[in-house]
Amino acid sequence: MRIGDLAHETGVNRRLLRYYEEQGLLRPVRLVNGYREYTEADIATVRHIRAMLAAGLPTAVIARVLHCVHGDDELLVPSGCPTFIEDLRRERVRITETIAQLQSSQGMLDAILDAALRPRAFPRS
């Protein structure tokens, strides 16, 4: 199938599919005329990529673990991928730290907004 067909099947636009290829996440066959040729398996691969992106994994991590997930509708982890769990745990820690930083920023922003919205008493002359 061509890139337009894969885009239609997955709901992912062509530009993103090309980006996934640049990142080494998709490896279509290149025909003599330069066109990309995708297989039915690429549909599941794109769905796995989208699920991992939604989980907050960067494409560099996805590239390392993508071979560990199989299946059409669910992310299934075969027993032969010990680095998959390590990478997921590392990314979970990173996301947890990012959330804590964002909550701290939100607290500071709330304090600034409270101060800005507080009625001011002006000195009398």
PDB file of N, CA and C in Angstrom:
ATOM      1  N   MET A   1       0.854  -1.181   0.000  1.00  0.00           N
ATOM      2  CA  MET A   1       0.000   0.000   0.000  1.00  0.00           C
ATOM      3  C   MET A   1       0.888   1.229   0.000  1.00  0.00           C
ATOM      4  N   ARG A   2       0.373   2.306  -0.516  1.00  0.00           N
ATOM      5  CA  ARG A   2       1.101   3.573  -0.589  1.00  0.00           C
ATOM      6  C   ARG A   2       0.873   4.388   0.672  1.00  0.00           C
ATOM      7  N   ILE A   3       1.609   5.471   0.806  1.00  0.00           N
ATOM      8  CA  ILE A   3       1.548   6.288   2.013  1.00  0.00           C
ATOM      9  C   ILE A   3       0.149   6.869   2.248  1.00  0.00           C
ATOM     10  N   GLY A   4      -0.549   7.230   1.181  1.00  0.00           N
ATOM     11  CA  GLY A   4      -1.907   7.751   1.316  1.00  0.00           C
ATOM     12  C   GLY A   4      -2.861   6.709   1.888  1.00  0.00           C
ATOM     13  N   ASP A   5      -2.662   5.465   1.471  1.00  0.00           N
ATOM     14  CA  ASP A   5      -3.484   4.378   1.998  1.00  0.00           C
ATOM     15  C   ASP A   5      -3.211   4.155   3.487  1.00  0.00           C
ATOM     16  N   LEU A   6      -1.933   4.195   3.857  1.00  0.00           N
ATOM     17  CA  LEU A   6      -1.578   4.024   5.266  1.00  0.00           C
ATOM     18  C   LEU A   6      -2.129   5.182   6.092  1.00  0.00           C
ATOM     19  N   ALA A   7      -2.052   6.380   5.556  1.00  0.00           N
ATOM     20  CA  ALA A   7      -2.607   7.545   6.250  1.00  0.00           C
ATOM     21  C   ALA A   7      -4.105   7.361   6.461  1.00  0.00           C
ATOM     22  N   HIS A   8      -4.785   6.896   5.447  1.00  0.00           N
ATOM     23  CA  HIS A   8      -6.230   6.675   5.548  1.00  0.00           C
ATOM     24  C   HIS A   8      -6.556   5.590   6.575  1.00  0.00           C
ATOM     25  N   GLU A   9      -5.824   4.494   6.545  1.00  0.00           N
ATOM     26  CA  GLU A   9      -6.078   3.359   7.447  1.00  0.00           C
ATOM     27  C   GLU A   9      -5.808   3.696   8.907  1.00  0.00           C
ATOM     28  N   THR A  10      -4.834   4.571   9.161  1.00  0.00           N
ATOM     29  CA  THR A  10      -4.415   4.845  10.533  1.00  0.00           C
ATOM     30  C   THR A  10      -4.919   6.181  11.070  1.00  0.00           C
ATOM     31  N   GLY A  11      -5.347   7.072  10.181  1.00  0.00           N
ATOM     32  CA  GLY A  11      -5.755   8.406  10.618  1.00  0.00           C
ATOM     33  C   GLY A  11      -4.577   9.314  10.919  1.00  0.00           C
ATOM     34  N   VAL A  12      -3.396   8.920  10.497  1.00  0.00           N
ATOM     35  CA  VAL A  12      -2.174   9.701  10.712  1.00  0.00           C
ATOM     36  C   VAL A  12      -1.780  10.329   9.385  1.00  0.00           C
ATOM     37  N   ASN A  13      -1.522  11.629   9.393  1.00  0.00           N
ATOM     38  CA  ASN A  13      -1.243  12.286   8.115  1.00  0.00           C
ATOM     39  C   ASN A  13       0.114  11.868   7.537  1.00  0.00           C
ATOM     40  N   ARG A  14       0.259  12.099   6.254  1.00  0.00           N
ATOM     41  CA  ARG A  14       1.454  11.667   5.512  1.00  0.00           C
ATOM     42  C   ARG A  14       2.727  12.272   6.077  1.00  0.00           C
ATOM     43  N   ARG A  15       2.628  13.519   6.478  1.00  0.00           N
ATOM     44  CA  ARG A  15       3.812  14.201   7.012  1.00  0.00           C
ATOM     45  C   ARG A  15       4.338  13.477   8.258  1.00  0.00           C
ATOM     46  N   LEU A  16       3.416  13.081   9.147  1.00  0.00           N
ATOM     47  CA  LEU A  16       3.830  12.347  10.345  1.00  0.00           C
ATOM     48  C   LEU A  16       4.388  10.977   9.992  1.00  0.00           C
ATOM     49  N   LEU A  17       3.802  10.319   9.016  1.00  0.00           N
ATOM     50  CA  LEU A  17       4.327   9.020   8.596  1.00  0.00           C
ATOM     51  C   LEU A  17       5.750   9.153   8.067  1.00  0.00           C
ATOM     52  N   ARG A  18       6.017  10.215   7.325  1.00  0.00           N
ATOM     53  CA  ARG A  18       7.386  10.458   6.840  1.00  0.00           C
ATOM     54  C   ARG A  18       8.330  10.737   8.012  1.00  0.00           C
ATOM     55  N   TYR A  19       7.819  11.473   9.005  1.00  0.00           N
ATOM     56  CA  TYR A  19       8.622  11.749  10.200  1.00  0.00           C
ATOM     57  C   TYR A  19       8.950  10.441  10.926  1.00  0.00           C
ATOM     58  N   TYR A  20       7.970   9.566  11.055  1.00  0.00           N
ATOM     59  CA  TYR A  20       8.223   8.275  11.694  1.00  0.00           C
ATOM     60  C   TYR A  20       9.301   7.505  10.936  1.00  0.00           C
ATOM     61  N   GLU A  21       9.281   7.611   9.629  1.00  0.00           N
ATOM     62  CA  GLU A  21      10.318   6.958   8.824  1.00  0.00           C
ATOM     63  C   GLU A  21      11.677   7.593   9.098  1.00  0.00           C
ATOM     64  N   GLU A  22      11.733   8.923   9.147  1.00  0.00           N
ATOM     65  CA  GLU A  22      12.997   9.622   9.444  1.00  0.00           C
ATOM     66  C   GLU A  22      13.561   9.205  10.798  1.00  0.00           C
ATOM     67  N   GLN A  23      12.673   8.941  11.753  1.00  0.00           N
ATOM     68  CA  GLN A  23      13.088   8.548  13.099  1.00  0.00           C
ATOM     69  C   GLN A  23      13.412   7.052  13.200  1.00  0.00           C
ATOM     70  N   GLY A  24      13.254   6.330  12.111  1.00  0.00           N
ATOM     71  CA  GLY A  24      13.551   4.903  12.100  1.00  0.00           C
ATOM     72  C   GLY A  24      12.439   4.044  12.676  1.00  0.00           C
ATOM     73  N   LEU A  25      11.252   4.612  12.821  1.00  0.00           N
ATOM     74  CA  LEU A  25      10.135   3.866  13.397  1.00  0.00           C
ATOM     75  C   LEU A  25       9.403   3.050  12.337  1.00  0.00           C
ATOM     76  N   LEU A  26       9.370   3.543  11.131  1.00  0.00           N
ATOM     77  CA  LEU A  26       8.778   2.829   9.990  1.00  0.00           C
ATOM     78  C   LEU A  26       9.865   2.610   8.954  1.00  0.00           C
ATOM     79  N   ARG A  27       9.807   1.459   8.320  1.00  0.00           N
ATOM     80  CA  ARG A  27      10.807   1.137   7.292  1.00  0.00           C
ATOM     81  C   ARG A  27      10.120   0.600   6.039  1.00  0.00           C
ATOM     82  N   PRO A  28       9.481   1.490   5.296  1.00  0.00           N
ATOM     83  CA  PRO A  28       8.812   1.010   4.080  1.00  0.00           C
ATOM     84  C   PRO A  28       9.828   0.605   3.019  1.00  0.00           C
ATOM     85  N   VAL A  29       9.380  -0.269   2.146  1.00  0.00           N
ATOM     86  CA  VAL A  29      10.193  -0.641   0.987  1.00  0.00           C
ATOM     87  C   VAL A  29      10.111   0.519   0.002  1.00  0.00           C
ATOM     88  N   ARG A  30      11.229   0.871  -0.600  1.00  0.00           N
ATOM     89  CA  ARG A  30      11.227   1.906  -1.631  1.00  0.00           C
ATOM     90  C   ARG A  30      11.183   1.227  -2.998  1.00  0.00           C
ATOM     91  N   LEU A  31      10.200   1.589  -3.777  1.00  0.00           N
ATOM     92  CA  LEU A  31      10.070   1.045  -5.121  1.00  0.00           C
ATOM     93  C   LEU A  31      11.051   1.743  -6.055  1.00  0.00           C
ATOM     94  N   VAL A  32      11.227   1.205  -7.234  1.00  0.00           N
ATOM     95  CA  VAL A  32      12.146   1.769  -8.217  1.00  0.00           C
ATOM     96  C   VAL A  32      11.806   3.228  -8.527  1.00  0.00           C
ATOM     97  N   ASN A  33      10.520   3.543  -8.532  1.00  0.00           N
ATOM     98  CA  ASN A  33      10.091   4.911  -8.832  1.00  0.00           C
ATOM     99  C   ASN A  33      10.204   5.844  -7.614  1.00  0.00           C
ATOM    100  N   GLY A  34      10.704   5.317  -6.467  1.00  0.00           N
ATOM    101  CA  GLY A  34      10.886   6.132  -5.270  1.00  0.00           C
ATOM    102  C   GLY A  34       9.708   6.126  -4.317  1.00  0.00           C
ATOM    103  N   TYR A  35       8.599   5.555  -4.733  1.00  0.00           N
ATOM    104  CA  TYR A  35       7.424   5.506  -3.867  1.00  0.00           C
ATOM    105  C   TYR A  35       7.686   4.577  -2.678  1.00  0.00           C
ATOM    106  N   ARG A  36       7.066   4.909  -1.576  1.00  0.00           N
ATOM    107  CA  ARG A  36       7.129   4.051  -0.388  1.00  0.00           C
ATOM    108  C   ARG A  36       6.036   2.990  -0.517  1.00  0.00           C
ATOM    109  N   GLU A  37       6.372   1.768  -0.153  1.00  0.00           N
ATOM    110  CA  GLU A  37       5.408   0.680  -0.167  1.00  0.00           C
ATOM    111  C   GLU A  37       5.301   0.130   1.252  1.00  0.00           C
ATOM    112  N   TYR A  38       4.101   0.213   1.813  1.00  0.00           N
ATOM    113  CA  TYR A  38       3.848  -0.241   3.181  1.00  0.00           C
ATOM    114  C   TYR A  38       3.096  -1.558   3.158  1.00  0.00           C
ATOM    115  N   THR A  39       3.194  -2.289   4.263  1.00  0.00           N
ATOM    116  CA  THR A  39       2.499  -3.566   4.389  1.00  0.00           C
ATOM    117  C   THR A  39       1.365  -3.433   5.408  1.00  0.00           C
ATOM    118  N   GLU A  40       0.563  -4.458   5.516  1.00  0.00           N
ATOM    119  CA  GLU A  40      -0.513  -4.483   6.512  1.00  0.00           C
ATOM    120  C   GLU A  40       0.065  -4.372   7.923  1.00  0.00           C
ATOM    121  N   ALA A  41       1.243  -4.942   8.154  1.00  0.00           N
ATOM    122  CA  ALA A  41       1.874  -4.883   9.479  1.00  0.00           C
ATOM    123  C   ALA A  41       2.193  -3.449   9.882  1.00  0.00           C
ATOM    124  N   ASP A  42       2.416  -2.582   8.901  1.00  0.00           N
ATOM    125  CA  ASP A  42       2.718  -1.181   9.214  1.00  0.00           C
ATOM    126  C   ASP A  42       1.525  -0.466   9.850  1.00  0.00           C
ATOM    127  N   ILE A  43       0.332  -0.931   9.575  1.00  0.00           N
ATOM    128  CA  ILE A  43      -0.859  -0.337  10.208  1.00  0.00           C
ATOM    129  C   ILE A  43      -0.771  -0.534  11.722  1.00  0.00           C
ATOM    130  N   ALA A  44      -0.487  -1.756  12.144  1.00  0.00           N
ATOM    131  CA  ALA A  44      -0.342  -2.040  13.583  1.00  0.00           C
ATOM    132  C   ALA A  44       0.841  -1.279  14.160  1.00  0.00           C
ATOM    133  N   THR A  45       1.931  -1.181  13.413  1.00  0.00           N
ATOM    134  CA  THR A  45       3.108  -0.459  13.888  1.00  0.00           C
ATOM    135  C   THR A  45       2.772   1.000  14.156  1.00  0.00           C
ATOM    136  N   VAL A  46       2.053   1.630  13.245  1.00  0.00           N
ATOM    137  CA  VAL A  46       1.672   3.031  13.433  1.00  0.00           C
ATOM    138  C   VAL A  46       0.766   3.163  14.658  1.00  0.00           C
ATOM    139  N   ARG A  47      -0.125   2.243  14.849  1.00  0.00           N
ATOM    140  CA  ARG A  47      -1.006   2.288  16.043  1.00  0.00           C
ATOM    141  C   ARG A  47      -0.196   2.144  17.327  1.00  0.00           C
ATOM    142  N   HIS A  48       0.811   1.289  17.314  1.00  0.00           N
ATOM    143  CA  HIS A  48       1.678   1.138  18.479  1.00  0.00           C
ATOM    144  C   HIS A  48       2.470   2.425  18.730  1.00  0.00           C
ATOM    145  N   ILE A  49       2.970   3.015  17.671  1.00  0.00           N
ATOM    146  CA  ILE A  49       3.706   4.277  17.797  1.00  0.00           C
ATOM    147  C   ILE A  49       2.806   5.332  18.430  1.00  0.00           C
ATOM    148  N   ARG A  50       1.588   5.454  17.924  1.00  0.00           N
ATOM    149  CA  ARG A  50       0.640   6.461  18.446  1.00  0.00           C
ATOM    150  C   ARG A  50       0.325   6.208  19.924  1.00  0.00           C
ATOM    151  N   ALA A  51       0.150   4.942  20.295  1.00  0.00           N
ATOM    152  CA  ALA A  51      -0.147   4.618  21.692  1.00  0.00           C
ATOM    153  C   ALA A  51       1.025   4.982  22.590  1.00  0.00           C
ATOM    154  N   MET A  52       2.230   4.701  22.152  1.00  0.00           N
ATOM    155  CA  MET A  52       3.399   5.027  22.970  1.00  0.00           C
ATOM    156  C   MET A  52       3.637   6.533  23.036  1.00  0.00           C
ATOM    157  N   LEU A  53       3.364   7.238  21.949  1.00  0.00           N
ATOM    158  CA  LEU A  53       3.451   8.701  21.988  1.00  0.00           C
ATOM    159  C   LEU A  53       2.422   9.268  22.968  1.00  0.00           C
ATOM    160  N   ALA A  54       1.214   8.706  22.951  1.00  0.00           N
ATOM    161  CA  ALA A  54       0.177   9.158  23.875  1.00  0.00           C
ATOM    162  C   ALA A  54       0.566   8.889  25.324  1.00  0.00           C
ATOM    163  N   ALA A  55       1.385   7.869  25.552  1.00  0.00           N
ATOM    164  CA  ALA A  55       1.864   7.552  26.898  1.00  0.00           C
ATOM    165  C   ALA A  55       3.017   8.460  27.314  1.00  0.00           C
ATOM    166  N   GLY A  56       3.443   9.336  26.408  1.00  0.00           N
ATOM    167  CA  GLY A  56       4.496  10.285  26.747  1.00  0.00           C
ATOM    168  C   GLY A  56       5.892   9.855  26.377  1.00  0.00           C
ATOM    169  N   LEU A  57       6.023   8.753  25.661  1.00  0.00           N
ATOM    170  CA  LEU A  57       7.358   8.300  25.283  1.00  0.00           C
ATOM    171  C   LEU A  57       7.874   9.109  24.093  1.00  0.00           C
ATOM    172  N   PRO A  58       9.112   9.562  24.155  1.00  0.00           N
ATOM    173  CA  PRO A  58       9.699  10.249  23.003  1.00  0.00           C
ATOM    174  C   PRO A  58      10.044   9.241  21.900  1.00  0.00           C
ATOM    175  N   THR A  59      10.183   9.730  20.687  1.00  0.00           N
ATOM    176  CA  THR A  59      10.437   8.827  19.562  1.00  0.00           C
ATOM    177  C   THR A  59      11.749   8.068  19.715  1.00  0.00           C
ATOM    178  N   ALA A  60      12.742   8.641  20.383  1.00  0.00           N
ATOM    179  CA  ALA A  60      14.016   7.928  20.578  1.00  0.00           C
ATOM    180  C   ALA A  60      13.797   6.670  21.412  1.00  0.00           C
ATOM    181  N   VAL A  61      12.972   6.753  22.434  1.00  0.00           N
ATOM    182  CA  VAL A  61      12.668   5.576  23.261  1.00  0.00           C
ATOM    183  C   VAL A  61      11.814   4.603  22.465  1.00  0.00           C
ATOM    184  N   ILE A  62      10.844   5.127  21.736  1.00  0.00           N
ATOM    185  CA  ILE A  62       9.982   4.257  20.921  1.00  0.00           C
ATOM    186  C   ILE A  62      10.831   3.466  19.936  1.00  0.00           C
ATOM    187  N   ALA A  63      11.818   4.104  19.344  1.00  0.00           N
ATOM    188  CA  ALA A  63      12.690   3.409  18.388  1.00  0.00           C
ATOM    189  C   ALA A  63      13.410   2.238  19.055  1.00  0.00           C
ATOM    190  N   ARG A  64      13.758   2.373  20.332  1.00  0.00           N
ATOM    191  CA  ARG A  64      14.457   1.297  21.045  1.00  0.00           C
ATOM    192  C   ARG A  64      13.540   0.151  21.427  1.00  0.00           C
ATOM    193  N   VAL A  65      12.254   0.430  21.648  1.00  0.00           N
ATOM    194  CA  VAL A  65      11.364  -0.602  22.188  1.00  0.00           C
ATOM    195  C   VAL A  65      10.276  -1.066  21.223  1.00  0.00           C
ATOM    196  N   LEU A  66      10.162  -0.436  20.089  1.00  0.00           N
ATOM    197  CA  LEU A  66       9.068  -0.757  19.167  1.00  0.00           C
ATOM    198  C   LEU A  66       9.057  -2.227  18.767  1.00  0.00           C
ATOM    199  N   HIS A  67      10.226  -2.800  18.631  1.00  0.00           N
ATOM    200  CA  HIS A  67      10.285  -4.223  18.256  1.00  0.00           C
ATOM    201  C   HIS A  67       9.742  -5.139  19.351  1.00  0.00           C
ATOM    202  N   CYS A  68       9.546  -4.597  20.542  1.00  0.00           N
ATOM    203  CA  CYS A  68       9.053  -5.402  21.669  1.00  0.00           C
ATOM    204  C   CYS A  68       7.537  -5.508  21.713  1.00  0.00           C
ATOM    205  N   VAL A  69       6.830  -4.699  20.952  1.00  0.00           N
ATOM    206  CA  VAL A  69       5.369  -4.730  21.008  1.00  0.00           C
ATOM    207  C   VAL A  69       4.818  -5.405  19.759  1.00  0.00           C
ATOM    208  N   HIS A  70       3.821  -6.232  19.989  1.00  0.00           N
ATOM    209  CA  HIS A  70       3.204  -6.974  18.894  1.00  0.00           C
ATOM    210  C   HIS A  70       1.706  -7.038  19.116  1.00  0.00           C
ATOM    211  N   GLY A  71       0.966  -7.316  18.089  1.00  0.00           N
ATOM    212  CA  GLY A  71      -0.484  -7.430  18.176  1.00  0.00           C
ATOM    213  C   GLY A  71      -1.136  -6.333  17.366  1.00  0.00           C
ATOM    214  N   ASP A  72      -2.395  -6.519  17.073  1.00  0.00           N
ATOM    215  CA  ASP A  72      -3.102  -5.559  16.239  1.00  0.00           C
ATOM    216  C   ASP A  72      -3.743  -4.432  17.026  1.00  0.00           C
ATOM    217  N   ASP A  73      -4.318  -4.731  18.183  1.00  0.00           N
ATOM    218  CA  ASP A  73      -5.084  -3.721  18.901  1.00  0.00           C
ATOM    219  C   ASP A  73      -4.502  -3.341  20.251  1.00  0.00           C
ATOM    220  N   GLU A  74      -3.708  -4.191  20.841  1.00  0.00           N
ATOM    221  CA  GLU A  74      -3.178  -3.921  22.167  1.00  0.00           C
ATOM    222  C   GLU A  74      -1.662  -3.960  22.128  1.00  0.00           C
ATOM    223  N   LEU A  75      -1.047  -3.281  23.104  1.00  0.00           N
ATOM    224  CA  LEU A  75       0.395  -3.360  23.254  1.00  0.00           C
ATOM    225  C   LEU A  75       0.720  -4.616  24.047  1.00  0.00           C
ATOM    226  N   LEU A  76       1.321  -5.568  23.410  1.00  0.00           N
ATOM    227  CA  LEU A  76       1.703  -6.806  24.067  1.00  0.00           C
ATOM    228  C   LEU A  76       3.220  -6.843  24.158  1.00  0.00           C
ATOM    229  N   VAL A  77       3.734  -7.195  25.311  1.00  0.00           N
ATOM    230  CA  VAL A  77       5.176  -7.215  25.521  1.00  0.00           C
ATOM    231  C   VAL A  77       5.645  -8.661  25.633  1.00  0.00           C
ATOM    232  N   PRO A  78       6.441  -9.112  24.690  1.00  0.00           N
ATOM    233  CA  PRO A  78       6.958 -10.471  24.797  1.00  0.00           C
ATOM    234  C   PRO A  78       8.005 -10.568  25.913  1.00  0.00           C
ATOM    235  N   SER A  79       8.208 -11.787  26.425  1.00  0.00           N
ATOM    236  CA  SER A  79       9.116 -11.977  27.553  1.00  0.00           C
ATOM    237  C   SER A  79      10.572 -11.707  27.204  1.00  0.00           C
ATOM    238  N   GLY A  80      10.920 -11.710  25.955  1.00  0.00           N
ATOM    239  CA  GLY A  80      12.317 -11.529  25.561  1.00  0.00           C
ATOM    240  C   GLY A  80      12.782 -10.094  25.446  1.00  0.00           C
ATOM    241  N   CYS A  81      12.105  -9.143  26.072  1.00  0.00           N
ATOM    242  CA  CYS A  81      12.478  -7.728  25.960  1.00  0.00           C
ATOM    243  C   CYS A  81      12.673  -7.083  27.333  1.00  0.00           C
ATOM    244  N   PRO A  82      13.725  -7.436  28.044  1.00  0.00           N
ATOM    245  CA  PRO A  82      13.917  -6.866  29.383  1.00  0.00           C
ATOM    246  C   PRO A  82      14.165  -5.357  29.356  1.00  0.00           C
ATOM    247  N   THR A  83      14.758  -4.830  28.313  1.00  0.00           N
ATOM    248  CA  THR A  83      15.021  -3.384  28.269  1.00  0.00           C
ATOM    249  C   THR A  83      13.742  -2.576  28.131  1.00  0.00           C
ATOM    250  N   PHE A  84      12.691  -3.192  27.633  1.00  0.00           N
ATOM    251  CA  PHE A  84      11.407  -2.505  27.485  1.00  0.00           C
ATOM    252  C   PHE A  84      10.910  -2.008  28.838  1.00  0.00           C
ATOM    253  N   ILE A  85      10.934  -2.877  29.838  1.00  0.00           N
ATOM    254  CA  ILE A  85      10.476  -2.516  31.178  1.00  0.00           C
ATOM    255  C   ILE A  85      11.377  -1.438  31.766  1.00  0.00           C
ATOM    256  N   GLU A  86      12.678  -1.577  31.595  1.00  0.00           N
ATOM    257  CA  GLU A  86      13.620  -0.575  32.107  1.00  0.00           C
ATOM    258  C   GLU A  86      13.357   0.785  31.471  1.00  0.00           C
ATOM    259  N   ASP A  87      13.166   0.809  30.167  1.00  0.00           N
ATOM    260  CA  ASP A  87      12.896   2.067  29.468  1.00  0.00           C
ATOM    261  C   ASP A  87      11.580   2.681  29.931  1.00  0.00           C
ATOM    262  N   LEU A  88      10.557   1.857  30.109  1.00  0.00           N
ATOM    263  CA  LEU A  88       9.267   2.372  30.578  1.00  0.00           C
ATOM    264  C   LEU A  88       9.383   2.951  31.983  1.00  0.00           C
ATOM    265  N   ARG A  89      10.096   2.272  32.852  1.00  0.00           N
ATOM    266  CA  ARG A  89      10.274   2.785  34.215  1.00  0.00           C
ATOM    267  C   ARG A  89      11.042   4.109  34.209  1.00  0.00           C
ATOM    268  N   ARG A  90      12.071   4.179  33.404  1.00  0.00           N
ATOM    269  CA  ARG A  90      12.865   5.416  33.302  1.00  0.00           C
ATOM    270  C   ARG A  90      11.997   6.570  32.787  1.00  0.00           C
ATOM    271  N   GLU A  91      11.177   6.301  31.796  1.00  0.00           N
ATOM    272  CA  GLU A  91      10.299   7.339  31.252  1.00  0.00           C
ATOM    273  C   GLU A  91       9.219   7.738  32.242  1.00  0.00           C
ATOM    274  N   ARG A  92       8.750   6.783  33.034  1.00  0.00           N
ATOM    275  CA  ARG A  92       7.748   7.107  34.061  1.00  0.00           C
ATOM    276  C   ARG A  92       8.340   8.048  35.103  1.00  0.00           C
ATOM    277  N   VAL A  93       9.572   7.807  35.507  1.00  0.00           N
ATOM    278  CA  VAL A  93      10.259   8.697  36.452  1.00  0.00           C
ATOM    279  C   VAL A  93      10.402  10.083  35.841  1.00  0.00           C
ATOM    280  N   ARG A  94      10.817  10.140  34.571  1.00  0.00           N
ATOM    281  CA  ARG A  94      10.973  11.436  33.890  1.00  0.00           C
ATOM    282  C   ARG A  94       9.653  12.192  33.854  1.00  0.00           C
ATOM    283  N   ILE A  95       8.573  11.512  33.536  1.00  0.00           N
ATOM    284  CA  ILE A  95       7.258  12.153  33.464  1.00  0.00           C
ATOM    285  C   ILE A  95       6.813  12.619  34.849  1.00  0.00           C
ATOM    286  N   THR A  96       7.053  11.793  35.861  1.00  0.00           N
ATOM    287  CA  THR A  96       6.701  12.169  37.240  1.00  0.00           C
ATOM    288  C   THR A  96       7.448  13.433  37.660  1.00  0.00           C
ATOM    289  N   GLU A  97       8.734  13.506  37.327  1.00  0.00           N
ATOM    290  CA  GLU A  97       9.531  14.701  37.655  1.00  0.00           C
ATOM    291  C   GLU A  97       9.013  15.923  36.901  1.00  0.00           C
ATOM    292  N   THR A  98       8.642  15.741  35.656  1.00  0.00           N
ATOM    293  CA  THR A  98       8.096  16.847  34.859  1.00  0.00           C
ATOM    294  C   THR A  98       6.784  17.343  35.449  1.00  0.00           C
ATOM    295  N   ILE A  99       5.937  16.422  35.882  1.00  0.00           N
ATOM    296  CA  ILE A  99       4.666  16.806  36.508  1.00  0.00           C
ATOM    297  C   ILE A  99       4.933  17.619  37.770  1.00  0.00           C
ATOM    298  N   ALA A 100       5.890  17.182  38.582  1.00  0.00           N
ATOM    299  CA  ALA A 100       6.224  17.908  39.816  1.00  0.00           C
ATOM    300  C   ALA A 100       6.720  19.318  39.487  1.00  0.00           C
ATOM    301  N   GLN A 101       7.547  19.449  38.468  1.00  0.00           N
ATOM    302  CA  GLN A 101       8.034  20.770  38.057  1.00  0.00           C
ATOM    303  C   GLN A 101       6.889  21.646  37.573  1.00  0.00           C
ATOM    304  N   LEU A 102       5.986  21.082  36.805  1.00  0.00           N
ATOM    305  CA  LEU A 102       4.840  21.844  36.315  1.00  0.00           C
ATOM    306  C   LEU A 102       3.916  22.261  37.457  1.00  0.00           C
ATOM    307  N   GLN A 103       3.730  21.387  38.440  1.00  0.00           N
ATOM    308  CA  GLN A 103       2.908  21.750  39.593  1.00  0.00           C
ATOM    309  C   GLN A 103       3.549  22.883  40.392  1.00  0.00           C
ATOM    310  N   SER A 104       4.856  22.857  40.514  1.00  0.00           N
ATOM    311  CA  SER A 104       5.567  23.943  41.188  1.00  0.00           C
ATOM    312  C   SER A 104       5.387  25.251  40.417  1.00  0.00           C
ATOM    313  N   SER A 105       5.527  25.186  39.118  1.00  0.00           N
ATOM    314  CA  SER A 105       5.324  26.370  38.273  1.00  0.00           C
ATOM    315  C   SER A 105       3.899  26.890  38.397  1.00  0.00           C
ATOM    316  N   GLN A 106       2.953  25.976  38.432  1.00  0.00           N
ATOM    317  CA  GLN A 106       1.550  26.360  38.579  1.00  0.00           C
ATOM    318  C   GLN A 106       1.327  27.053  39.919  1.00  0.00           C
ATOM    319  N   GLY A 107       1.936  26.557  40.973  1.00  0.00           N
ATOM    320  CA  GLY A 107       1.817  27.177  42.287  1.00  0.00           C
ATOM    321  C   GLY A 107       2.376  28.590  42.302  1.00  0.00           C
ATOM    322  N   MET A 108       3.520  28.767  41.650  1.00  0.00           N
ATOM    323  CA  MET A 108       4.120  30.111  41.569  1.00  0.00           C
ATOM    324  C   MET A 108       3.232  31.042  40.756  1.00  0.00           C
ATOM    325  N   LEU A 109       2.710  30.551  39.661  1.00  0.00           N
ATOM    326  CA  LEU A 109       1.823  31.361  38.827  1.00  0.00           C
ATOM    327  C   LEU A 109       0.562  31.741  39.588  1.00  0.00           C
ATOM    328  N   ASP A 110       0.007  30.816  40.352  1.00  0.00           N
ATOM    329  CA  ASP A 110      -1.170  31.115  41.170  1.00  0.00           C
ATOM    330  C   ASP A 110      -0.863  32.208  42.188  1.00  0.00           C
ATOM    331  N   ALA A 111       0.313  32.138  42.821  1.00  0.00           N
ATOM    332  CA  ALA A 111       0.698  33.149  43.804  1.00  0.00           C
ATOM    333  C   ALA A 111       0.838  34.520  43.149  1.00  0.00           C
ATOM    334  N   ILE A 112       1.420  34.558  41.967  1.00  0.00           N
ATOM    335  CA  ILE A 112       1.572  35.834  41.244  1.00  0.00           C
ATOM    336  C   ILE A 112       0.208  36.377  40.849  1.00  0.00           C
ATOM    337  N   LEU A 113      -0.675  35.519  40.356  1.00  0.00           N
ATOM    338  CA  LEU A 113      -2.029  35.955  39.988  1.00  0.00           C
ATOM    339  C   LEU A 113      -2.791  36.469  41.205  1.00  0.00           C
ATOM    340  N   ASP A 114      -2.681  35.761  42.328  1.00  0.00           N
ATOM    341  CA  ASP A 114      -3.341  36.213  43.553  1.00  0.00           C
ATOM    342  C   ASP A 114      -2.857  37.595  43.950  1.00  0.00           C
ATOM    343  N   ALA A 115      -1.559  37.797  43.880  1.00  0.00           N
ATOM    344  CA  ALA A 115      -0.994  39.101  44.239  1.00  0.00           C
ATOM    345  C   ALA A 115      -1.459  40.178  43.261  1.00  0.00           C
ATOM    346  N   ALA A 116      -1.525  39.836  41.994  1.00  0.00           N
ATOM    347  CA  ALA A 116      -1.921  40.815  40.983  1.00  0.00           C
ATOM    348  C   ALA A 116      -3.395  41.178  41.093  1.00  0.00           C
ATOM    349  N   LEU A 117      -4.218  40.260  41.551  1.00  0.00           N
ATOM    350  CA  LEU A 117      -5.654  40.495  41.636  1.00  0.00           C
ATOM    351  C   LEU A 117      -6.102  41.043  42.993  1.00  0.00           C
ATOM    352  N   ARG A 118      -5.204  41.049  43.949  1.00  0.00           N
ATOM    353  CA  ARG A 118      -5.540  41.539  45.283  1.00  0.00           C
ATOM    354  C   ARG A 118      -5.728  43.057  45.237  1.00  0.00           C
ATOM    355  N   PRO A 119      -6.803  43.573  45.847  1.00  0.00           N
ATOM    356  CA  PRO A 119      -6.989  45.028  45.879  1.00  0.00           C
ATOM    357  C   PRO A 119      -5.844  45.679  46.644  1.00  0.00           C
ATOM    358  N   ARG A 120      -5.387  46.785  46.106  1.00  0.00           N
ATOM    359  CA  ARG A 120      -4.264  47.478  46.723  1.00  0.00           C
ATOM    360  C   ARG A 120      -4.762  48.670  47.517  1.00  0.00           C
ATOM    361  N   ALA A 121      -4.129  48.890  48.613  1.00  0.00           N
ATOM    362  CA  ALA A 121      -4.418  50.099  49.404  1.00  0.00           C
ATOM    363  C   ALA A 121      -3.402  51.147  48.987  1.00  0.00           C
ATOM    364  N   PHE A 122      -3.896  52.291  48.537  1.00  0.00           N
ATOM    365  CA  PHE A 122      -2.998  53.354  48.121  1.00  0.00           C
ATOM    366  C   PHE A 122      -2.775  54.311  49.290  1.00  0.00           C
ATOM    367  N   PRO A 123      -1.557  54.758  49.493  1.00  0.00           N
ATOM    368  CA  PRO A 123      -1.281  55.698  50.594  1.00  0.00           C
ATOM    369  C   PRO A 123      -2.003  57.017  50.373  1.00  0.00           C
ATOM    370  N   ARG A 124      -2.500  57.621  51.478  1.00  0.00           N
ATOM    371  CA  ARG A 124      -3.169  58.924  51.393  1.00  0.00           C
ATOM    372  C   ARG A 124      -2.135  60.023  51.477  1.00  0.00           C
ATOM    373  N   SER A 125      -2.387  61.078  50.764  1.00  0.00           N
ATOM    374  CA  SER A 125      -1.460  62.194  50.814  1.00  0.00           C
ATOM    375  C   SER A 125      -1.916  63.274  51.747  1.00  0.00           C
TER     376      SER A 125
END
